[in-house]
Every structure is written in C-alpha cells, then in structure tokens.
Amino acid sequence: QLRWLREETDLPLAVGFGISKPEHVMPLRELADGVIIGSGIVRQLEDLVQGAVDRETTLKKIGQLANAMVSSTART
C-alpha cells in the first residue's frame, strides 16, 4: 500500500504504526520520507514509570534508540 501511495502523491509520506526498532525502518526507507517512533520510546518510559530504571538511564536509552533509528534511515 505504501508503494501505491508513493505513486499517487508527491506529498511526503511518514509511517508510524509499530515502528520501534531500526530493523523496522530499513525496509521502509526507499518508500517513506519519515518514520514516527512512538512505540520504542513508550517502552523506555514504561520502564522508568515502573521504577525498573532511573531517569538518566531512560534518557540515555532513548538517545541510543534515536541514534540507531537515524542510522537505519541512510539510503545506499
């Protein structure tokens, strides 16, 4: 369906349902202009709320996730 949308519009396309790992981004990078990463960040915040990790660790993990996602968007 994303391929069909790409053919039908010149508007930027962002995909964001269930994107939580770099492996989810890689197959989309040729068709999507952006990804929305809610799930992966919410998981990190859940650990913080449940007391499993502290704020500093949570921020570090979210930063690492963001960096990994950015790296996975590089088109070859």
PDB file of N, CA and C in Angstrom:
ATOM      1  N   GLN A   1       0.808  -1.194   0.000  1.00  0.00           N
ATOM      2  CA  GLN A   1       0.000   0.000   0.000  1.00  0.00           C
ATOM      3  C   GLN A   1       0.855   1.263   0.000  1.00  0.00           C
ATOM      4  N   LEU A   2       1.981   1.196   0.668  1.00  0.00           N
ATOM      5  CA  LEU A   2       2.871   2.354   0.692  1.00  0.00           C
ATOM      6  C   LEU A   2       3.407   2.650  -0.710  1.00  0.00           C
ATOM      7  N   ARG A   3       3.711   1.608  -1.446  1.00  0.00           N
ATOM      8  CA  ARG A   3       4.185   1.793  -2.821  1.00  0.00           C
ATOM      9  C   ARG A   3       3.100   2.485  -3.663  1.00  0.00           C
ATOM     10  N   TRP A   4       1.855   2.064  -3.481  1.00  0.00           N
ATOM     11  CA  TRP A   4       0.743   2.677  -4.206  1.00  0.00           C
ATOM     12  C   TRP A   4       0.618   4.154  -3.831  1.00  0.00           C
ATOM     13  N   LEU A   5       0.693   4.457  -2.529  1.00  0.00           N
ATOM     14  CA  LEU A   5       0.621   5.850  -2.089  1.00  0.00           C
ATOM     15  C   LEU A   5       1.738   6.683  -2.699  1.00  0.00           C
ATOM     16  N   ARG A   6       2.925   6.124  -2.730  1.00  0.00           N
ATOM     17  CA  ARG A   6       4.080   6.836  -3.293  1.00  0.00           C
ATOM     18  C   ARG A   6       3.810   7.197  -4.749  1.00  0.00           C
ATOM     19  N   GLU A   7       3.187   6.293  -5.484  1.00  0.00           N
ATOM     20  CA  GLU A   7       2.890   6.551  -6.893  1.00  0.00           C
ATOM     21  C   GLU A   7       1.766   7.570  -7.070  1.00  0.00           C
ATOM     22  N   GLU A   8       0.877   7.660  -6.102  1.00  0.00           N
ATOM     23  CA  GLU A   8      -0.299   8.516  -6.208  1.00  0.00           C
ATOM     24  C   GLU A   8      -0.084   9.954  -5.736  1.00  0.00           C
ATOM     25  N   THR A   9       0.975  10.209  -4.965  1.00  0.00           N
ATOM     26  CA  THR A   9       1.149  11.548  -4.411  1.00  0.00           C
ATOM     27  C   THR A   9       2.610  11.979  -4.398  1.00  0.00           C
ATOM     28  N   ASP A  10       2.788  13.278  -4.436  1.00  0.00           N
ATOM     29  CA  ASP A  10       4.121  13.855  -4.270  1.00  0.00           C
ATOM     30  C   ASP A  10       4.320  14.359  -2.844  1.00  0.00           C
ATOM     31  N   LEU A  11       3.295  14.227  -2.021  1.00  0.00           N
ATOM     32  CA  LEU A  11       3.395  14.661  -0.628  1.00  0.00           C
ATOM     33  C   LEU A  11       4.362  13.764   0.140  1.00  0.00           C
ATOM     34  N   PRO A  12       5.012  14.289   1.156  1.00  0.00           N
ATOM     35  CA  PRO A  12       5.885  13.451   1.989  1.00  0.00           C
ATOM     36  C   PRO A  12       5.061  12.380   2.700  1.00  0.00           C
ATOM     37  N   LEU A  13       5.613  11.190   2.792  1.00  0.00           N
ATOM     38  CA  LEU A  13       4.941  10.077   3.463  1.00  0.00           C
ATOM     39  C   LEU A  13       5.717   9.685   4.711  1.00  0.00           C
ATOM     40  N   ALA A  14       5.015   9.614   5.827  1.00  0.00           N
ATOM     41  CA  ALA A  14       5.615   9.154   7.080  1.00  0.00           C
ATOM     42  C   ALA A  14       4.849   7.928   7.557  1.00  0.00           C
ATOM     43  N   VAL A  15       5.573   6.952   8.044  1.00  0.00           N
ATOM     44  CA  VAL A  15       4.992   5.701   8.522  1.00  0.00           C
ATOM     45  C   VAL A  15       5.237   5.628  10.018  1.00  0.00           C
ATOM     46  N   GLY A  16       4.228   5.192  10.778  1.00  0.00           N
ATOM     47  CA  GLY A  16       4.448   5.228  12.206  1.00  0.00           C
ATOM     48  C   GLY A  16       3.716   4.222  13.050  1.00  0.00           C
ATOM     49  N   PHE A  17       3.157   3.194  12.502  1.00  0.00           N
ATOM     50  CA  PHE A  17       2.469   2.220  13.344  1.00  0.00           C
ATOM     51  C   PHE A  17       3.376   1.027  13.598  1.00  0.00           C
ATOM     52  N   GLY A  18       3.765   0.823  14.847  1.00  0.00           N
ATOM     53  CA  GLY A  18       4.582  -0.329  15.211  1.00  0.00           C
ATOM     54  C   GLY A  18       6.068  -0.183  14.939  1.00  0.00           C
ATOM     55  N   ILE A  19       6.532   1.006  14.656  1.00  0.00           N
ATOM     56  CA  ILE A  19       7.953   1.230  14.399  1.00  0.00           C
ATOM     57  C   ILE A  19       8.659   1.410  15.742  1.00  0.00           C
ATOM     58  N   SER A  20       9.489   0.447  16.114  1.00  0.00           N
ATOM     59  CA  SER A  20      10.163   0.544  17.413  1.00  0.00           C
ATOM     60  C   SER A  20      11.621   0.112  17.370  1.00  0.00           C
ATOM     61  N   LYS A  21      12.068  -0.401  16.226  1.00  0.00           N
ATOM     62  CA  LYS A  21      13.445  -0.884  16.090  1.00  0.00           C
ATOM     63  C   LYS A  21      14.005  -0.457  14.738  1.00  0.00           C
ATOM     64  N   PRO A  22      15.339  -0.325  14.660  1.00  0.00           N
ATOM     65  CA  PRO A  22      15.945   0.009  13.367  1.00  0.00           C
ATOM     66  C   PRO A  22      15.573  -0.990  12.269  1.00  0.00           C
ATOM     67  N   GLU A  23      15.392  -2.242  12.631  1.00  0.00           N
ATOM     68  CA  GLU A  23      15.037  -3.259  11.625  1.00  0.00           C
ATOM     69  C   GLU A  23      13.683  -2.968  10.984  1.00  0.00           C
ATOM     70  N   HIS A  24      12.815  -2.254  11.694  1.00  0.00           N
ATOM     71  CA  HIS A  24      11.512  -1.893  11.133  1.00  0.00           C
ATOM     72  C   HIS A  24      11.646  -0.766  10.115  1.00  0.00           C
ATOM     73  N   VAL A  25      12.671   0.054  10.265  1.00  0.00           N
ATOM     74  CA  VAL A  25      12.860   1.217   9.394  1.00  0.00           C
ATOM     75  C   VAL A  25      13.483   0.824   8.061  1.00  0.00           C
ATOM     76  N   MET A  26      14.428  -0.074   8.090  1.00  0.00           N
ATOM     77  CA  MET A  26      15.214  -0.407   6.890  1.00  0.00           C
ATOM     78  C   MET A  26      14.368  -0.737   5.664  1.00  0.00           C
ATOM     79  N   PRO A  27      13.336  -1.577   5.772  1.00  0.00           N
ATOM     80  CA  PRO A  27      12.555  -1.878   4.564  1.00  0.00           C
ATOM     81  C   PRO A  27      11.717  -0.697   4.058  1.00  0.00           C
ATOM     82  N   LEU A  28      11.522   0.310   4.896  1.00  0.00           N
ATOM     83  CA  LEU A  28      10.678   1.443   4.523  1.00  0.00           C
ATOM     84  C   LEU A  28      11.439   2.597   3.892  1.00  0.00           C
ATOM     85  N   ARG A  29      12.736   2.609   4.032  1.00  0.00           N
ATOM     86  CA  ARG A  29      13.498   3.809   3.684  1.00  0.00           C
ATOM     87  C   ARG A  29      13.440   4.191   2.208  1.00  0.00           C
ATOM     88  N   GLU A  30      13.149   3.276   1.322  1.00  0.00           N
ATOM     89  CA  GLU A  30      13.048   3.630  -0.099  1.00  0.00           C
ATOM     90  C   GLU A  30      11.682   4.210  -0.451  1.00  0.00           C
ATOM     91  N   LEU A  31      10.681   3.974   0.395  1.00  0.00           N
ATOM     92  CA  LEU A  31       9.325   4.425   0.087  1.00  0.00           C
ATOM     93  C   LEU A  31       8.835   5.557   0.981  1.00  0.00           C
ATOM     94  N   ALA A  32       9.289   5.591   2.217  1.00  0.00           N
ATOM     95  CA  ALA A  32       8.808   6.597   3.170  1.00  0.00           C
ATOM     96  C   ALA A  32       9.812   7.741   3.293  1.00  0.00           C
ATOM     97  N   ASP A  33       9.284   8.918   3.552  1.00  0.00           N
ATOM     98  CA  ASP A  33      10.133  10.087   3.781  1.00  0.00           C
ATOM     99  C   ASP A  33      10.469  10.246   5.257  1.00  0.00           C
ATOM    100  N   GLY A  34       9.712   9.578   6.097  1.00  0.00           N
ATOM    101  CA  GLY A  34       9.953   9.675   7.531  1.00  0.00           C
ATOM    102  C   GLY A  34       9.296   8.534   8.274  1.00  0.00           C
ATOM    103  N   VAL A  35       9.740   8.351   9.497  1.00  0.00           N
ATOM    104  CA  VAL A  35       9.126   7.356  10.373  1.00  0.00           C
ATOM    105  C   VAL A  35       8.779   8.025  11.697  1.00  0.00           C
ATOM    106  N   ILE A  36       7.753   7.516  12.327  1.00  0.00           N
ATOM    107  CA  ILE A  36       7.310   8.015  13.623  1.00  0.00           C
ATOM    108  C   ILE A  36       7.545   6.892  14.624  1.00  0.00           C
ATOM    109  N   ILE A  37       8.331   7.189  15.648  1.00  0.00           N
ATOM    110  CA  ILE A  37       8.801   6.141  16.555  1.00  0.00           C
ATOM    111  C   ILE A  37       8.160   6.294  17.926  1.00  0.00           C
ATOM    112  N   GLY A  38       6.894   6.050  18.047  1.00  0.00           N
ATOM    113  CA  GLY A  38       6.245   6.157  19.347  1.00  0.00           C
ATOM    114  C   GLY A  38       6.470   4.948  20.224  1.00  0.00           C
ATOM    115  N   SER A  39       6.294   3.761  19.684  1.00  0.00           N
ATOM    116  CA  SER A  39       6.334   2.516  20.465  1.00  0.00           C
ATOM    117  C   SER A  39       7.643   2.316  21.211  1.00  0.00           C
ATOM    118  N   GLY A  40       8.736   2.519  20.543  1.00  0.00           N
ATOM    119  CA  GLY A  40      10.040   2.291  21.162  1.00  0.00           C
ATOM    120  C   GLY A  40      10.305   3.238  22.315  1.00  0.00           C
ATOM    121  N   ILE A  41       9.890   4.482  22.162  1.00  0.00           N
ATOM    122  CA  ILE A  41      10.094   5.462  23.229  1.00  0.00           C
ATOM    123  C   ILE A  41       9.150   5.182  24.390  1.00  0.00           C
ATOM    124  N   VAL A  42       7.915   4.825  24.093  1.00  0.00           N
ATOM    125  CA  VAL A  42       6.955   4.495  25.152  1.00  0.00           C
ATOM    126  C   VAL A  42       7.464   3.336  25.989  1.00  0.00           C
ATOM    127  N   ARG A  43       8.058   2.339  25.370  1.00  0.00           N
ATOM    128  CA  ARG A  43       8.608   1.198  26.132  1.00  0.00           C
ATOM    129  C   ARG A  43       9.666   1.657  27.129  1.00  0.00           C
ATOM    130  N   GLN A  44      10.526   2.568  26.696  1.00  0.00           N
ATOM    131  CA  GLN A  44      11.558   3.080  27.598  1.00  0.00           C
ATOM    132  C   GLN A  44      10.927   3.858  28.753  1.00  0.00           C
ATOM    133  N   LEU A  45       9.907   4.627  28.466  1.00  0.00           N
ATOM    134  CA  LEU A  45       9.231   5.395  29.512  1.00  0.00           C
ATOM    135  C   LEU A  45       8.482   4.488  30.486  1.00  0.00           C
ATOM    136  N   GLU A  46       7.937   3.387  29.990  1.00  0.00           N
ATOM    137  CA  GLU A  46       7.264   2.429  30.876  1.00  0.00           C
ATOM    138  C   GLU A  46       8.232   1.880  31.908  1.00  0.00           C
ATOM    139  N   ASP A  47       9.451   1.569  31.489  1.00  0.00           N
ATOM    140  CA  ASP A  47      10.462   1.079  32.433  1.00  0.00           C
ATOM    141  C   ASP A  47      10.739   2.115  33.514  1.00  0.00           C
ATOM    142  N   LEU A  48      10.776   3.381  33.131  1.00  0.00           N
ATOM    143  CA  LEU A  48      11.009   4.459  34.095  1.00  0.00           C
ATOM    144  C   LEU A  48       9.841   4.562  35.078  1.00  0.00           C
ATOM    145  N   VAL A  49       8.624   4.571  34.561  1.00  0.00           N
ATOM    146  CA  VAL A  49       7.433   4.700  35.404  1.00  0.00           C
ATOM    147  C   VAL A  49       7.321   3.529  36.380  1.00  0.00           C
ATOM    148  N   GLN A  50       7.677   2.343  35.928  1.00  0.00           N
ATOM    149  CA  GLN A  50       7.595   1.156  36.784  1.00  0.00           C
ATOM    150  C   GLN A  50       8.751   1.070  37.769  1.00  0.00           C
ATOM    151  N   GLY A  51       9.686   1.989  37.673  1.00  0.00           N
ATOM    152  CA  GLY A  51      10.810   2.005  38.599  1.00  0.00           C
ATOM    153  C   GLY A  51      11.915   1.030  38.254  1.00  0.00           C
ATOM    154  N   ALA A  52      11.867   0.457  37.058  1.00  0.00           N
ATOM    155  CA  ALA A  52      12.883  -0.520  36.649  1.00  0.00           C
ATOM    156  C   ALA A  52      14.223   0.148  36.355  1.00  0.00           C
ATOM    157  N   VAL A  53      14.191   1.406  35.939  1.00  0.00           N
ATOM    158  CA  VAL A  53      15.416   2.163  35.639  1.00  0.00           C
ATOM    159  C   VAL A  53      15.234   3.604  36.107  1.00  0.00           C
ATOM    160  N   ASP A  54      16.339   4.326  36.221  1.00  0.00           N
ATOM    161  CA  ASP A  54      16.257   5.729  36.635  1.00  0.00           C
ATOM    162  C   ASP A  54      16.135   6.652  35.422  1.00  0.00           C
ATOM    163  N   ARG A  55      15.915   7.932  35.698  1.00  0.00           N
ATOM    164  CA  ARG A  55      15.699   8.922  34.640  1.00  0.00           C
ATOM    165  C   ARG A  55      16.900   9.019  33.702  1.00  0.00           C
ATOM    166  N   GLU A  56      18.098   9.043  34.261  1.00  0.00           N
ATOM    167  CA  GLU A  56      19.308   9.170  33.445  1.00  0.00           C
ATOM    168  C   GLU A  56      19.451   7.988  32.484  1.00  0.00           C
ATOM    169  N   THR A  57      19.210   6.793  32.982  1.00  0.00           N
ATOM    170  CA  THR A  57      19.288   5.594  32.138  1.00  0.00           C
ATOM    171  C   THR A  57      18.241   5.650  31.034  1.00  0.00           C
ATOM    172  N   THR A  58      17.039   6.083  31.391  1.00  0.00           N
ATOM    173  CA  THR A  58      15.961   6.185  30.404  1.00  0.00           C
ATOM    174  C   THR A  58      16.330   7.158  29.290  1.00  0.00           C
ATOM    175  N   LEU A  59      16.824   8.331  29.663  1.00  0.00           N
ATOM    176  CA  LEU A  59      17.215   9.319  28.650  1.00  0.00           C
ATOM    177  C   LEU A  59      18.339   8.793  27.767  1.00  0.00           C
ATOM    178  N   LYS A  60      19.278   8.086  28.369  1.00  0.00           N
ATOM    179  CA  LYS A  60      20.383   7.510  27.595  1.00  0.00           C
ATOM    180  C   LYS A  60      19.855   6.480  26.594  1.00  0.00           C
ATOM    181  N   LYS A  61      18.944   5.612  27.041  1.00  0.00           N
ATOM    182  CA  LYS A  61      18.390   4.582  26.148  1.00  0.00           C
ATOM    183  C   LYS A  61      17.566   5.201  25.019  1.00  0.00           C
ATOM    184  N   ILE A  62      16.802   6.243  25.335  1.00  0.00           N
ATOM    185  CA  ILE A  62      16.024   6.916  24.292  1.00  0.00           C
ATOM    186  C   ILE A  62      16.966   7.563  23.276  1.00  0.00           C
ATOM    187  N   GLY A  63      18.043   8.162  23.748  1.00  0.00           N
ATOM    188  CA  GLY A  63      19.039   8.742  22.842  1.00  0.00           C
ATOM    189  C   GLY A  63      19.682   7.696  21.956  1.00  0.00           C
ATOM    190  N   GLN A  64      20.006   6.547  22.540  1.00  0.00           N
ATOM    191  CA  GLN A  64      20.606   5.461  21.757  1.00  0.00           C
ATOM    192  C   GLN A  64      19.624   4.947  20.710  1.00  0.00           C
ATOM    193  N   LEU A  65      18.360   4.817  21.091  1.00  0.00           N
ATOM    194  CA  LEU A  65      17.336   4.374  20.146  1.00  0.00           C
ATOM    195  C   LEU A  65      17.208   5.378  19.002  1.00  0.00           C
ATOM    196  N   ALA A  66      17.160   6.655  19.339  1.00  0.00           N
ATOM    197  CA  ALA A  66      17.045   7.691  18.305  1.00  0.00           C
ATOM    198  C   ALA A  66      18.233   7.647  17.352  1.00  0.00           C
ATOM    199  N   ASN A  67      19.435   7.513  17.888  1.00  0.00           N
ATOM    200  CA  ASN A  67      20.631   7.431  17.031  1.00  0.00           C
ATOM    201  C   ASN A  67      20.597   6.205  16.133  1.00  0.00           C
ATOM    202  N   ALA A  68      20.164   5.072  16.674  1.00  0.00           N
ATOM    203  CA  ALA A  68      20.075   3.842  15.874  1.00  0.00           C
ATOM    204  C   ALA A  68      19.042   3.998  14.765  1.00  0.00           C
ATOM    205  N   MET A  69      17.933   4.652  15.077  1.00  0.00           N
ATOM    206  CA  MET A  69      16.899   4.865  14.063  1.00  0.00           C
ATOM    207  C   MET A  69      17.412   5.771  12.950  1.00  0.00           C
ATOM    208  N   VAL A  70      18.093   6.838  13.318  1.00  0.00           N
ATOM    209  CA  VAL A  70      18.646   7.751  12.308  1.00  0.00           C
ATOM    210  C   VAL A  70      19.637   7.006  11.422  1.00  0.00           C
ATOM    211  N   SER A  71      20.503   6.205  12.024  1.00  0.00           N
ATOM    212  CA  SER A  71      21.487   5.441  11.243  1.00  0.00           C
ATOM    213  C   SER A  71      20.806   4.490  10.270  1.00  0.00           C
ATOM    214  N   SER A  72      19.675   3.922  10.674  1.00  0.00           N
ATOM    215  CA  SER A  72      18.994   2.948   9.818  1.00  0.00           C
ATOM    216  C   SER A  72      18.272   3.599   8.649  1.00  0.00           C
ATOM    217  N   THR A  73      18.159   4.918   8.652  1.00  0.00           N
ATOM    218  CA  THR A  73      17.475   5.588   7.543  1.00  0.00           C
ATOM    219  C   THR A  73      18.399   5.920   6.383  1.00  0.00           C
ATOM    220  N   ALA A  74      19.682   5.721   6.558  1.00  0.00           N
ATOM    221  CA  ALA A  74      20.640   6.053   5.493  1.00  0.00           C
ATOM    222  C   ALA A  74      20.355   5.227   4.251  1.00  0.00           C
ATOM    223  N   ARG A  75      20.087   5.918   3.177  1.00  0.00           N
ATOM    224  CA  ARG A  75      19.828   5.227   1.902  1.00  0.00           C
ATOM    225  C   ARG A  75      21.150   4.969   1.213  1.00  0.00           C
ATOM    226  N   THR A  76      21.277   3.779   0.655  1.00  0.00           N
ATOM    227  CA  THR A  76      22.529   3.414  -0.015  1.00  0.00           C
ATOM    228  C   THR A  76      22.439   3.633  -1.504  1.00  0.00           C
TER     229      THR A  76
END
